[in-house]
Amino acid sequence: MAKFKLKKPSKRQPARLRYKIEKKVREHNRKLKKEAKKNPKSKKNKPIQIPNECPFKEDILKEVEAVKKHKEEERQKRKELAKLEKQKKTEEKKNNPIVMDSLVANAEARGKVHDAFKGGDANNDIEFGKDRQQENSLKTYYREFKKVISEAEVILEVVDARDPLGTRCVQVEEAVRESGKRLVLVLNKADLVPRGSACVGAELLTSLLGNYCRNKGIKTSITVGVVGLPNVGKSSIINSLNRSKACNVGSTPGVTKQMQTVQLDSKIKILDSPGIVFHTGSDNDASVALKNAIRVGSLKDPVTPATAILQRAHKQTLVDLYCVPPFNTPQV
């Protein structure tokens, strides 16, 4: 009679199944680690375990409790001392005239920028305009301007070569000086002045900024902010320094609407800011229009600026330049 032997199943697994199981295990462990990072559990010290057979078990436990209590009292004392020292320093700062003077100076510097650009004073008003859209856009420009001032170590104020004194922002200059930032005046649009050329002084300005990068013989990175009235050529200055078109430019004011960042090289980063128009004292639409700082279409009274132009220019020059008949007043 023949005997049959049952064949036991093999314990070996196909490689494909083994790899699949290993992959599932890895994914599960990765998921557990991710959840553990999201919800970290505080590590608690394990209690001291003393065998019951120890004859001095109660004494040891009492000693451990006493040490814990002493440490907790020491921690509370250090916490109270730190709190008292902090209060003492705060009172000393309040009573120290030097610290108070510096705080007042910083507050005044911030207030000057705020008043100059937000209209906090009757003699220092921004030309917001009547409609809500213009007011909102000017507030946006003000916020972008504050970003440039706060993030930059060096401020380039761009002025028009045709009217250097008229296109300077006196309030901004005072605020920059009092904040401790370096201020550099850049004379732009020299090509619009007789005997001018395309770009003079770009290498000198680049070399000056390179010198500001050196701090005690060590080259450091700096951020340079470019500020000024609308249409004085802030973006053009950046393009000249960058040797390429990095910022949009135009013949009308208001092309730059928010802060733009341009990396000039590995050490110098330039921040372009939108121009803001503000009045001081007896300034009016005529003076702002002559600076080309606002759009001509937004003028309420075009006759006054035209009269101011006629007082400065020769009538015959205007007649020859624009091919118009002789006139005596802006209307005729």
C-alpha atoms as a PDB file:
ATOM      1  CA  MET A   1       0.000   0.000   0.000  1.00  0.00           C
ATOM      2  CA  ALA A   2       1.448   3.365  -1.082  1.00  0.00           C
ATOM      3  CA  LYS A   3       2.051   6.056   1.477  1.00  0.00           C
ATOM      4  CA  PHE A   4       1.371   9.730   0.634  1.00  0.00           C
ATOM      5  CA  LYS A   5       3.227  12.548   2.424  1.00  0.00           C
ATOM      6  CA  LEU A   6       1.450  15.948   2.709  1.00  0.00           C
ATOM      7  CA  LYS A   7       3.556  18.844   1.443  1.00  0.00           C
ATOM      8  CA  LYS A   8       3.807  21.700   3.951  1.00  0.00           C
ATOM      9  CA  PRO A   9       3.417  25.246   2.546  1.00  0.00           C
ATOM     10  CA  SER A  10       6.661  27.165   2.253  1.00  0.00           C
ATOM     11  CA  LYS A  11       7.324  30.058   4.625  1.00  0.00           C
ATOM     12  CA  ARG A  12       9.223  31.987   1.972  1.00  0.00           C
ATOM     13  CA  GLN A  13       7.507  35.092   0.610  1.00  0.00           C
ATOM     14  CA  PRO A  14       7.772  36.484  -2.874  1.00  0.00           C
ATOM     15  CA  ALA A  15      10.005  39.546  -3.075  1.00  0.00           C
ATOM     16  CA  ARG A  16       7.145  41.610  -4.459  1.00  0.00           C
ATOM     17  CA  LEU A  17       5.006  40.907  -1.358  1.00  0.00           C
ATOM     18  CA  ARG A  18       7.912  41.543   1.026  1.00  0.00           C
ATOM     19  CA  TYR A  19       8.701  44.917  -0.559  1.00  0.00           C
ATOM     20  CA  LYS A  20       5.041  45.864  -0.371  1.00  0.00           C
ATOM     21  CA  ILE A  21       4.903  45.078   3.353  1.00  0.00           C
ATOM     22  CA  GLU A  22       8.109  47.014   4.040  1.00  0.00           C
ATOM     23  CA  LYS A  23       6.713  50.013   2.167  1.00  0.00           C
ATOM     24  CA  LYS A  24       3.511  49.930   4.222  1.00  0.00           C
ATOM     25  CA  VAL A  25       5.552  49.773   7.449  1.00  0.00           C
ATOM     26  CA  ARG A  26       7.655  52.769   6.410  1.00  0.00           C
ATOM     27  CA  GLU A  27       4.580  54.813   5.555  1.00  0.00           C
ATOM     28  CA  HIS A  28       2.985  53.915   8.883  1.00  0.00           C
ATOM     29  CA  ASN A  29       6.099  54.905  10.851  1.00  0.00           C
ATOM     30  CA  ARG A  30       6.382  58.159   8.880  1.00  0.00           C
ATOM     31  CA  LYS A  31       2.769  58.956   9.689  1.00  0.00           C
ATOM     32  CA  LEU A  32       3.333  58.312  13.389  1.00  0.00           C
ATOM     33  CA  LYS A  33       6.412  60.584  13.430  1.00  0.00           C
ATOM     34  CA  LYS A  34       4.482  63.350  11.686  1.00  0.00           C
ATOM     35  CA  GLU A  35       1.658  63.158  14.204  1.00  0.00           C
ATOM     36  CA  ALA A  36       4.158  63.121  17.061  1.00  0.00           C
ATOM     37  CA  LYS A  37       5.721  66.353  15.754  1.00  0.00           C
ATOM     38  CA  LYS A  38       2.325  68.026  15.545  1.00  0.00           C
ATOM     39  CA  ASN A  39       1.308  66.954  19.032  1.00  0.00           C
ATOM     40  CA  PRO A  40       4.472  66.741  21.136  1.00  0.00           C
ATOM     41  CA  LYS A  41       3.949  65.227  24.532  1.00  0.00           C
ATOM     42  CA  SER A  42       5.681  66.703  27.530  1.00  0.00           C
ATOM     43  CA  LYS A  43       8.323  64.402  28.881  1.00  0.00           C
ATOM     44  CA  LYS A  44       7.591  63.630  32.486  1.00  0.00           C
ATOM     45  CA  ASN A  45      10.260  62.423  34.804  1.00  0.00           C
ATOM     46  CA  LYS A  46       9.710  58.862  35.881  1.00  0.00           C
ATOM     47  CA  PRO A  47       9.019  58.530  39.591  1.00  0.00           C
ATOM     48  CA  ILE A  48      11.806  57.148  41.711  1.00  0.00           C
ATOM     49  CA  GLN A  49      11.113  53.536  42.469  1.00  0.00           C
ATOM     50  CA  ILE A  50      12.483  52.162  45.729  1.00  0.00           C
ATOM     51  CA  PRO A  51      12.130  48.504  46.618  1.00  0.00           C
ATOM     52  CA  ASN A  52       9.855  47.728  49.540  1.00  0.00           C
ATOM     53  CA  GLU A  53      12.635  45.708  51.138  1.00  0.00           C
ATOM     54  CA  CYS A  54      14.709  48.860  51.609  1.00  0.00           C
ATOM     55  CA  PRO A  55      14.766  49.653  55.364  1.00  0.00           C
ATOM     56  CA  PHE A  56      15.033  53.438  54.840  1.00  0.00           C
ATOM     57  CA  LYS A  57      12.397  53.773  52.128  1.00  0.00           C
ATOM     58  CA  GLU A  58      10.237  56.310  53.976  1.00  0.00           C
ATOM     59  CA  ASP A  59      13.219  58.488  54.890  1.00  0.00           C
ATOM     60  CA  ILE A  60      14.440  58.499  51.288  1.00  0.00           C
ATOM     61  CA  LEU A  61      11.008  59.464  49.961  1.00  0.00           C
ATOM     62  CA  LYS A  62      10.733  62.304  52.482  1.00  0.00           C
ATOM     63  CA  GLU A  63      14.180  63.566  51.485  1.00  0.00           C
ATOM     64  CA  VAL A  64      13.232  63.481  47.793  1.00  0.00           C
ATOM     65  CA  GLU A  65      10.060  65.463  48.500  1.00  0.00           C
ATOM     66  CA  ALA A  66      12.033  68.014  50.497  1.00  0.00           C
ATOM     67  CA  VAL A  67      14.502  68.474  47.609  1.00  0.00           C
ATOM     68  CA  LYS A  68      11.631  68.960  45.134  1.00  0.00           C
ATOM     69  CA  LYS A  69       9.994  71.511  47.383  1.00  0.00           C
ATOM     70  CA  HIS A  70      13.278  73.397  47.817  1.00  0.00           C
ATOM     71  CA  LYS A  71      13.819  73.534  44.040  1.00  0.00           C
ATOM     72  CA  GLU A  72      10.304  74.840  43.466  1.00  0.00           C
ATOM     73  CA  GLU A  73      10.827  77.581  46.074  1.00  0.00           C
ATOM     74  CA  GLU A  74      14.122  78.573  44.446  1.00  0.00           C
ATOM     75  CA  ARG A  75      12.440  78.768  41.053  1.00  0.00           C
ATOM     76  CA  GLN A  76       9.682  81.004  42.419  1.00  0.00           C
ATOM     77  CA  LYS A  77      12.265  83.283  44.091  1.00  0.00           C
ATOM     78  CA  ARG A  78      14.226  83.658  40.827  1.00  0.00           C
ATOM     79  CA  LYS A  79      11.008  84.454  38.994  1.00  0.00           C
ATOM     80  CA  GLU A  80      10.056  87.166  41.496  1.00  0.00           C
ATOM     81  CA  LEU A  81      13.574  88.653  41.433  1.00  0.00           C
ATOM     82  CA  ALA A  82      13.531  88.812  37.640  1.00  0.00           C
ATOM     83  CA  LYS A  83      10.158  90.542  37.770  1.00  0.00           C
ATOM     84  CA  LEU A  84      11.411  93.108  40.297  1.00  0.00           C
ATOM     85  CA  GLU A  85      14.556  93.791  38.242  1.00  0.00           C
ATOM     86  CA  LYS A  86      12.442  94.340  35.140  1.00  0.00           C
ATOM     87  CA  GLN A  87      10.223  96.815  37.003  1.00  0.00           C
ATOM     88  CA  LYS A  88      13.302  98.584  38.385  1.00  0.00           C
ATOM     89  CA  LYS A  89      14.835  98.959  34.913  1.00  0.00           C
ATOM     90  CA  THR A  90      11.554 100.302  33.555  1.00  0.00           C
ATOM     91  CA  GLU A  91      11.401 102.917  36.321  1.00  0.00           C
ATOM     92  CA  GLU A  92      15.036 103.883  35.734  1.00  0.00           C
ATOM     93  CA  LYS A  93      14.351 104.367  32.020  1.00  0.00           C
ATOM     94  CA  LYS A  94      11.372 106.564  32.839  1.00  0.00           C
ATOM     95  CA  ASN A  95      13.399 108.665  35.279  1.00  0.00           C
ATOM     96  CA  ASN A  96      16.546 108.805  33.091  1.00  0.00           C
ATOM     97  CA  PRO A  97      16.502 112.092  31.089  1.00  0.00           C
ATOM     98  CA  ILE A  98      18.899 110.756  28.427  1.00  0.00           C
ATOM     99  CA  VAL A  99      16.701 107.758  27.682  1.00  0.00           C
ATOM    100  CA  MET A 100      13.611 109.956  27.726  1.00  0.00           C
ATOM    101  CA  ASP A 101      15.223 112.402  25.282  1.00  0.00           C
ATOM    102  CA  SER A 102      16.064 109.565  22.885  1.00  0.00           C
ATOM    103  CA  LEU A 103      12.526 108.177  23.127  1.00  0.00           C
ATOM    104  CA  VAL A 104      11.066 111.637  22.527  1.00  0.00           C
ATOM    105  CA  ALA A 105      13.399 112.171  19.563  1.00  0.00           C
ATOM    106  CA  ASN A 106      12.382 108.844  18.016  1.00  0.00           C
ATOM    107  CA  ALA A 107       8.715 109.639  18.587  1.00  0.00           C
ATOM    108  CA  GLU A 108       9.146 113.077  17.008  1.00  0.00           C
ATOM    109  CA  ALA A 109      10.936 111.562  14.005  1.00  0.00           C
ATOM    110  CA  ARG A 110       8.114 109.082  13.467  1.00  0.00           C
ATOM    111  CA  GLY A 111       5.583 111.841  14.014  1.00  0.00           C
ATOM    112  CA  LYS A 112       7.182 114.081  11.403  1.00  0.00           C
ATOM    113  CA  VAL A 113       6.934 111.396   8.745  1.00  0.00           C
ATOM    114  CA  HIS A 114       3.391 110.585   9.847  1.00  0.00           C
ATOM    115  CA  ASP A 115       2.285 114.244   9.858  1.00  0.00           C
ATOM    116  CA  ALA A 116       4.067 115.020   6.604  1.00  0.00           C
ATOM    117  CA  PHE A 117       2.389 112.188   4.741  1.00  0.00           C
ATOM    118  CA  LYS A 118      -0.903 111.683   6.514  1.00  0.00           C
ATOM    119  CA  GLY A 119      -2.074 115.224   7.052  1.00  0.00           C
ATOM    120  CA  GLY A 120      -1.853 115.558  10.848  1.00  0.00           C
ATOM    121  CA  ASP A 121      -1.075 119.314  10.756  1.00  0.00           C
ATOM    122  CA  ALA A 122      -2.541 122.279   8.891  1.00  0.00           C
ATOM    123  CA  ASN A 123       0.913 123.348   7.684  1.00  0.00           C
ATOM    124  CA  ASN A 124       1.920 119.814   6.691  1.00  0.00           C
ATOM    125  CA  ASP A 125      -0.907 118.383   4.573  1.00  0.00           C
ATOM    126  CA  ILE A 126      -0.830 115.686   1.900  1.00  0.00           C
ATOM    127  CA  GLU A 127      -2.648 116.388  -1.311  1.00  0.00           C
ATOM    128  CA  PHE A 128      -5.169 113.584  -0.861  1.00  0.00           C
ATOM    129  CA  GLY A 129      -7.819 114.809  -3.326  1.00  0.00           C
ATOM    130  CA  LYS A 130     -11.557 114.668  -2.996  1.00  0.00           C
ATOM    131  CA  ASP A 131     -12.469 111.266  -4.316  1.00  0.00           C
ATOM    132  CA  ARG A 132     -12.121 108.123  -2.196  1.00  0.00           C
ATOM    133  CA  GLN A 133     -10.055 106.213  -4.767  1.00  0.00           C
ATOM    134  CA  GLN A 134      -7.288 108.812  -4.819  1.00  0.00           C
ATOM    135  CA  GLU A 135      -7.251 108.925  -1.010  1.00  0.00           C
ATOM    136  CA  ASN A 136      -6.919 105.148  -0.721  1.00  0.00           C
ATOM    137  CA  SER A 137      -4.134 105.021  -3.320  1.00  0.00           C
ATOM    138  CA  LEU A 138      -2.192 107.744  -1.524  1.00  0.00           C
ATOM    139  CA  LYS A 139      -2.515 105.903   1.781  1.00  0.00           C
ATOM    140  CA  THR A 140      -1.160 102.821   0.038  1.00  0.00           C
ATOM    141  CA  TYR A 141       1.804 104.868  -1.265  1.00  0.00           C
ATOM    142  CA  TYR A 142       2.411 106.103   2.282  1.00  0.00           C
ATOM    143  CA  ARG A 143       2.546 102.535   3.628  1.00  0.00           C
ATOM    144  CA  GLU A 144       4.976 101.520   0.869  1.00  0.00           C
ATOM    145  CA  PHE A 145       7.132 104.566   1.638  1.00  0.00           C
ATOM    146  CA  LYS A 146       7.297 103.591   5.321  1.00  0.00           C
ATOM    147  CA  LYS A 147       8.460 100.094   4.323  1.00  0.00           C
ATOM    148  CA  VAL A 148      11.362 101.564   2.341  1.00  0.00           C
ATOM    149  CA  ILE A 149      12.454 103.862   5.183  1.00  0.00           C
ATOM    150  CA  SER A 150      12.274 101.098   7.804  1.00  0.00           C
ATOM    151  CA  GLU A 151      14.058  98.383   5.764  1.00  0.00           C
ATOM    152  CA  ALA A 152      16.859 100.494   4.239  1.00  0.00           C
ATOM    153  CA  GLU A 153      20.171 101.513   5.825  1.00  0.00           C
ATOM    154  CA  VAL A 154      20.964 104.103   3.124  1.00  0.00           C
ATOM    155  CA  ILE A 155      18.366 106.456   1.588  1.00  0.00           C
ATOM    156  CA  LEU A 156      18.836 107.958  -1.882  1.00  0.00           C
ATOM    157  CA  GLU A 157      16.709 111.076  -2.370  1.00  0.00           C
ATOM    158  CA  VAL A 158      16.291 111.764  -6.081  1.00  0.00           C
ATOM    159  CA  VAL A 159      15.788 115.421  -7.130  1.00  0.00           C
ATOM    160  CA  ASP A 160      15.204 116.989 -10.544  1.00  0.00           C
ATOM    161  CA  ALA A 161      18.219 118.821 -11.989  1.00  0.00           C
ATOM    162  CA  ARG A 162      15.879 121.446 -13.464  1.00  0.00           C
ATOM    163  CA  ASP A 163      14.578 122.377  -9.994  1.00  0.00           C
ATOM    164  CA  PRO A 164      16.818 120.765  -7.337  1.00  0.00           C
ATOM    165  CA  LEU A 165      15.627 122.812  -4.362  1.00  0.00           C
ATOM    166  CA  GLY A 166      11.973 122.669  -5.348  1.00  0.00           C
ATOM    167  CA  THR A 167      11.936 118.875  -5.650  1.00  0.00           C
ATOM    168  CA  ARG A 168      13.579 118.175  -2.283  1.00  0.00           C
ATOM    169  CA  CYS A 169      11.458 116.620   0.488  1.00  0.00           C
ATOM    170  CA  VAL A 170      12.522 118.584   3.555  1.00  0.00           C
ATOM    171  CA  GLN A 171      10.298 116.655   5.985  1.00  0.00           C
ATOM    172  CA  VAL A 172      11.589 113.316   4.767  1.00  0.00           C
ATOM    173  CA  GLU A 173      15.202 114.483   5.031  1.00  0.00           C
ATOM    174  CA  GLU A 174      14.719 115.547   8.649  1.00  0.00           C
ATOM    175  CA  ALA A 175      13.022 112.256   9.528  1.00  0.00           C
ATOM    176  CA  VAL A 176      15.797 110.220   7.861  1.00  0.00           C
ATOM    177  CA  ARG A 177      18.550 112.129   9.679  1.00  0.00           C
ATOM    178  CA  GLU A 178      16.873 111.783  13.069  1.00  0.00           C
ATOM    179  CA  SER A 179      16.351 108.048  12.515  1.00  0.00           C
ATOM    180  CA  GLY A 180      20.110 107.608  12.054  1.00  0.00           C
ATOM    181  CA  LYS A 181      19.960 106.475   8.410  1.00  0.00           C
ATOM    182  CA  ARG A 182      22.472 107.727   5.818  1.00  0.00           C
ATOM    183  CA  LEU A 183      20.998 110.217   3.320  1.00  0.00           C
ATOM    184  CA  VAL A 184      22.422 110.769  -0.192  1.00  0.00           C
ATOM    185  CA  LEU A 185      21.042 113.379  -2.618  1.00  0.00           C
ATOM    186  CA  VAL A 186      21.038 112.260  -6.265  1.00  0.00           C
ATOM    187  CA  LEU A 187      20.656 114.897  -9.003  1.00  0.00           C
ATOM    188  CA  ASN A 188      18.676 113.308 -11.850  1.00  0.00           C
ATOM    189  CA  LYS A 189      17.488 114.388 -15.346  1.00  0.00           C
ATOM    190  CA  ALA A 190      20.741 116.187 -16.087  1.00  0.00           C
ATOM    191  CA  ASP A 191      20.158 115.439 -19.781  1.00  0.00           C
ATOM    192  CA  LEU A 192      17.192 117.864 -19.759  1.00  0.00           C
ATOM    193  CA  VAL A 193      19.476 120.685 -18.652  1.00  0.00           C
ATOM    194  CA  PRO A 194      21.600 122.432 -21.355  1.00  0.00           C
ATOM    195  CA  ARG A 195      24.993 120.753 -21.871  1.00  0.00           C
ATOM    196  CA  GLY A 196      23.772 117.625 -20.122  1.00  0.00           C
ATOM    197  CA  SER A 197      24.499 113.990 -21.028  1.00  0.00           C
ATOM    198  CA  ALA A 198      22.732 110.640 -20.745  1.00  0.00           C
ATOM    199  CA  CYS A 199      24.038 109.258 -17.438  1.00  0.00           C
ATOM    200  CA  VAL A 200      26.814 110.995 -15.516  1.00  0.00           C
ATOM    201  CA  GLY A 201      27.913 109.757 -12.107  1.00  0.00           C
ATOM    202  CA  ALA A 202      26.487 106.222 -12.096  1.00  0.00           C
ATOM    203  CA  GLU A 203      29.944 104.758 -11.421  1.00  0.00           C
ATOM    204  CA  LEU A 204      30.536 107.323  -8.655  1.00  0.00           C
ATOM    205  CA  LEU A 205      27.214 106.496  -6.990  1.00  0.00           C
ATOM    206  CA  THR A 206      27.903 102.760  -7.245  1.00  0.00           C
ATOM    207  CA  SER A 207      31.332 103.303  -5.682  1.00  0.00           C
ATOM    208  CA  LEU A 208      29.763 105.367  -2.877  1.00  0.00           C
ATOM    209  CA  LEU A 209      27.284 102.587  -2.083  1.00  0.00           C
ATOM    210  CA  GLY A 210      30.164 100.100  -2.158  1.00  0.00           C
ATOM    211  CA  ASN A 211      31.942 102.168   0.483  1.00  0.00           C
ATOM    212  CA  TYR A 212      28.847 102.045   2.683  1.00  0.00           C
ATOM    213  CA  CYS A 213      29.080  98.244   2.488  1.00  0.00           C
ATOM    214  CA  ARG A 214      32.426  98.313   4.292  1.00  0.00           C
ATOM    215  CA  ASN A 215      32.097  98.158   8.066  1.00  0.00           C
ATOM    216  CA  LYS A 216      35.450  98.191   9.903  1.00  0.00           C
ATOM    217  CA  GLY A 217      37.180  96.637   6.904  1.00  0.00           C
ATOM    218  CA  ILE A 218      34.572  93.893   6.496  1.00  0.00           C
ATOM    219  CA  LYS A 219      32.211  93.829   3.497  1.00  0.00           C
ATOM    220  CA  THR A 220      28.592  93.628   4.618  1.00  0.00           C
ATOM    221  CA  SER A 221      25.279  93.688   2.784  1.00  0.00           C
ATOM    222  CA  ILE A 222      23.198  96.881   2.788  1.00  0.00           C
ATOM    223  CA  THR A 223      19.705  97.835   1.681  1.00  0.00           C
ATOM    224  CA  VAL A 224      19.299 101.173  -0.139  1.00  0.00           C
ATOM    225  CA  GLY A 225      15.961 102.994  -0.308  1.00  0.00           C
ATOM    226  CA  VAL A 226      15.174 105.426  -3.143  1.00  0.00           C
ATOM    227  CA  VAL A 227      12.682 108.197  -2.280  1.00  0.00           C
ATOM    228  CA  GLY A 228      11.538 111.472  -3.802  1.00  0.00           C
ATOM    229  CA  LEU A 229       8.626 113.317  -5.381  1.00  0.00           C
ATOM    230  CA  PRO A 230       6.710 111.657  -8.240  1.00  0.00           C
ATOM    231  CA  ASN A 231       8.343 111.774 -11.674  1.00  0.00           C
ATOM    232  CA  VAL A 232      11.805 112.881 -10.501  1.00  0.00           C
ATOM    233  CA  GLY A 233      13.253 109.674 -11.962  1.00  0.00           C
ATOM    234  CA  LYS A 234      13.676 107.269  -9.033  1.00  0.00           C
ATOM    235  CA  SER A 235      13.073 104.183 -11.169  1.00  0.00           C
ATOM    236  CA  SER A 236      15.350 105.546 -13.912  1.00  0.00           C
ATOM    237  CA  ILE A 237      18.181 105.903 -11.391  1.00  0.00           C
ATOM    238  CA  ILE A 238      17.777 102.245 -10.409  1.00  0.00           C
ATOM    239  CA  ASN A 239      17.775 101.164 -14.066  1.00  0.00           C
ATOM    240  CA  SER A 240      20.962 103.179 -14.683  1.00  0.00           C
ATOM    241  CA  LEU A 241      22.708 101.567 -11.717  1.00  0.00           C
ATOM    242  CA  ASN A 242      21.480  98.108 -12.718  1.00  0.00           C
ATOM    243  CA  ARG A 243      22.526  98.634 -16.385  1.00  0.00           C
ATOM    244  CA  SER A 244      19.188  97.096 -17.419  1.00  0.00           C
ATOM    245  CA  LYS A 245      15.459  97.766 -17.185  1.00  0.00           C
ATOM    246  CA  ALA A 246      14.524  96.505 -13.732  1.00  0.00           C
ATOM    247  CA  CYS A 247      11.721  99.015 -12.975  1.00  0.00           C
ATOM    248  CA  ASN A 248       8.957 100.382 -15.169  1.00  0.00           C
ATOM    249  CA  VAL A 249       9.338 104.072 -16.061  1.00  0.00           C
ATOM    250  CA  GLY A 250       7.078 106.628 -17.699  1.00  0.00           C
ATOM    251  CA  SER A 251       6.734 110.334 -18.486  1.00  0.00           C
ATOM    252  CA  THR A 252       3.723 110.723 -16.173  1.00  0.00           C
ATOM    253  CA  PRO A 253       3.813 110.489 -12.358  1.00  0.00           C
ATOM    254  CA  GLY A 254       2.418 107.454 -10.549  1.00  0.00           C
ATOM    255  CA  VAL A 255       4.007 104.629 -12.556  1.00  0.00           C
ATOM    256  CA  THR A 256       5.485 103.035  -9.423  1.00  0.00           C
ATOM    257  CA  LYS A 257       2.589 102.038  -7.144  1.00  0.00           C
ATOM    258  CA  GLN A 258       4.311  99.813  -4.580  1.00  0.00           C
ATOM    259  CA  MET A 259       7.762  99.014  -3.226  1.00  0.00           C
ATOM    260  CA  GLN A 260       9.984  97.114  -5.660  1.00  0.00           C
ATOM    261  CA  THR A 261      13.185  95.257  -4.788  1.00  0.00           C
ATOM    262  CA  VAL A 262      16.168  95.147  -7.154  1.00  0.00           C
ATOM    263  CA  GLN A 263      19.329  93.176  -6.309  1.00  0.00           C
ATOM    264  CA  LEU A 264      22.131  95.345  -7.669  1.00  0.00           C
ATOM    265  CA  ASP A 265      24.869  92.861  -6.751  1.00  0.00           C
ATOM    266  CA  SER A 266      25.653  90.359  -3.994  1.00  0.00           C
ATOM    267  CA  LYS A 267      26.054  93.139  -1.400  1.00  0.00           C
ATOM    268  CA  ILE A 268      23.610  95.908  -2.448  1.00  0.00           C
ATOM    269  CA  LYS A 269      19.815  95.635  -2.564  1.00  0.00           C
ATOM    270  CA  ILE A 270      17.791  98.649  -3.753  1.00  0.00           C
ATOM    271  CA  LEU A 271      14.176  99.453  -2.786  1.00  0.00           C
ATOM    272  CA  ASP A 272      12.126 101.603  -5.167  1.00  0.00           C
ATOM    273  CA  SER A 273       9.269 103.562  -3.575  1.00  0.00           C
ATOM    274  CA  PRO A 274       6.230 105.376  -5.011  1.00  0.00           C
ATOM    275  CA  GLY A 275       6.402 109.159  -4.963  1.00  0.00           C
ATOM    276  CA  ILE A 276       4.100 111.125  -2.651  1.00  0.00           C
ATOM    277  CA  VAL A 277       2.995 114.749  -3.176  1.00  0.00           C
ATOM    278  CA  PHE A 278       2.616 116.910  -0.074  1.00  0.00           C
ATOM    279  CA  HIS A 279       2.240 120.638   0.518  1.00  0.00           C
ATOM    280  CA  THR A 280       4.077 122.860   2.972  1.00  0.00           C
ATOM    281  CA  GLY A 281       3.047 126.395   3.844  1.00  0.00           C
ATOM    282  CA  SER A 282       1.954 128.398   0.799  1.00  0.00           C
ATOM    283  CA  ASP A 283       2.382 125.599  -1.750  1.00  0.00           C
ATOM    284  CA  ASN A 284      -0.449 125.320  -4.264  1.00  0.00           C
ATOM    285  CA  ASP A 285      -1.375 123.497  -7.457  1.00  0.00           C
ATOM    286  CA  ALA A 286       0.889 125.813  -9.468  1.00  0.00           C
ATOM    287  CA  SER A 287       4.102 124.892  -7.626  1.00  0.00           C
ATOM    288  CA  VAL A 288       3.255 121.173  -7.693  1.00  0.00           C
ATOM    289  CA  ALA A 289       2.406 121.311 -11.389  1.00  0.00           C
ATOM    290  CA  LEU A 290       5.684 123.062 -12.207  1.00  0.00           C
ATOM    291  CA  LYS A 291       7.498 120.182 -10.523  1.00  0.00           C
ATOM    292  CA  ASN A 292       5.579 117.777 -12.811  1.00  0.00           C
ATOM    293  CA  ALA A 293       4.619 115.838  -9.671  1.00  0.00           C
ATOM    294  CA  ILE A 294       0.900 115.440 -10.474  1.00  0.00           C
ATOM    295  CA  ARG A 295      -1.033 114.589 -13.615  1.00  0.00           C
ATOM    296  CA  VAL A 296      -2.076 117.612 -15.654  1.00  0.00           C
ATOM    297  CA  GLY A 297      -5.599 116.227 -16.009  1.00  0.00           C
ATOM    298  CA  SER A 298      -6.111 116.318 -12.226  1.00  0.00           C
ATOM    299  CA  LEU A 299      -5.441 120.063 -11.918  1.00  0.00           C
ATOM    300  CA  LYS A 300      -8.397 122.031 -10.577  1.00  0.00           C
ATOM    301  CA  ASP A 301      -7.120 125.380 -11.841  1.00  0.00           C
ATOM    302  CA  PRO A 302      -4.867 125.114 -14.941  1.00  0.00           C
ATOM    303  CA  VAL A 303      -4.747 128.900 -15.396  1.00  0.00           C
ATOM    304  CA  THR A 304      -2.629 129.524 -12.295  1.00  0.00           C
ATOM    305  CA  PRO A 305       0.176 127.132 -13.309  1.00  0.00           C
ATOM    306  CA  ALA A 306       0.117 128.494 -16.838  1.00  0.00           C
ATOM    307  CA  THR A 307       0.509 132.030 -15.488  1.00  0.00           C
ATOM    308  CA  ALA A 308       3.439 130.894 -13.349  1.00  0.00           C
ATOM    309  CA  ILE A 309       5.086 129.357 -16.444  1.00  0.00           C
ATOM    310  CA  LEU A 310       4.664 132.621 -18.375  1.00  0.00           C
ATOM    311  CA  GLN A 311       6.349 134.504 -15.536  1.00  0.00           C
ATOM    312  CA  ARG A 312       9.407 132.244 -15.803  1.00  0.00           C
ATOM    313  CA  ALA A 313       9.711 131.678 -19.567  1.00  0.00           C
ATOM    314  CA  HIS A 314      10.029 134.077 -22.486  1.00  0.00           C
ATOM    315  CA  LYS A 315       6.883 134.366 -24.577  1.00  0.00           C
ATOM    316  CA  GLN A 316       8.791 134.294 -27.858  1.00  0.00           C
ATOM    317  CA  THR A 317      10.521 131.054 -26.854  1.00  0.00           C
ATOM    318  CA  LEU A 318       7.134 129.386 -26.263  1.00  0.00           C
ATOM    319  CA  VAL A 319       5.780 130.762 -29.560  1.00  0.00           C
ATOM    320  CA  ASP A 320       8.743 129.389 -31.518  1.00  0.00           C
ATOM    321  CA  LEU A 321       8.821 126.047 -29.656  1.00  0.00           C
ATOM    322  CA  TYR A 322       5.109 125.183 -29.893  1.00  0.00           C
ATOM    323  CA  CYS A 323       4.289 127.119 -33.123  1.00  0.00           C
ATOM    324  CA  VAL A 324       1.480 129.153 -31.556  1.00  0.00           C
ATOM    325  CA  PRO A 325       0.441 132.746 -32.378  1.00  0.00           C
ATOM    326  CA  PRO A 326       1.628 135.591 -30.121  1.00  0.00           C
ATOM    327  CA  PHE A 327      -0.317 135.925 -26.858  1.00  0.00           C
ATOM    328  CA  ASN A 328      -0.412 138.028 -23.696  1.00  0.00           C
ATOM    329  CA  THR A 329      -2.317 135.830 -21.203  1.00  0.00           C
ATOM    330  CA  PRO A 330      -2.914 132.053 -20.875  1.00  0.00           C
ATOM    331  CA  GLN A 331      -6.468 132.495 -22.184  1.00  0.00           C
ATOM    332  CA  VAL A 332      -5.495 134.549 -25.257  1.00  0.00           C
END
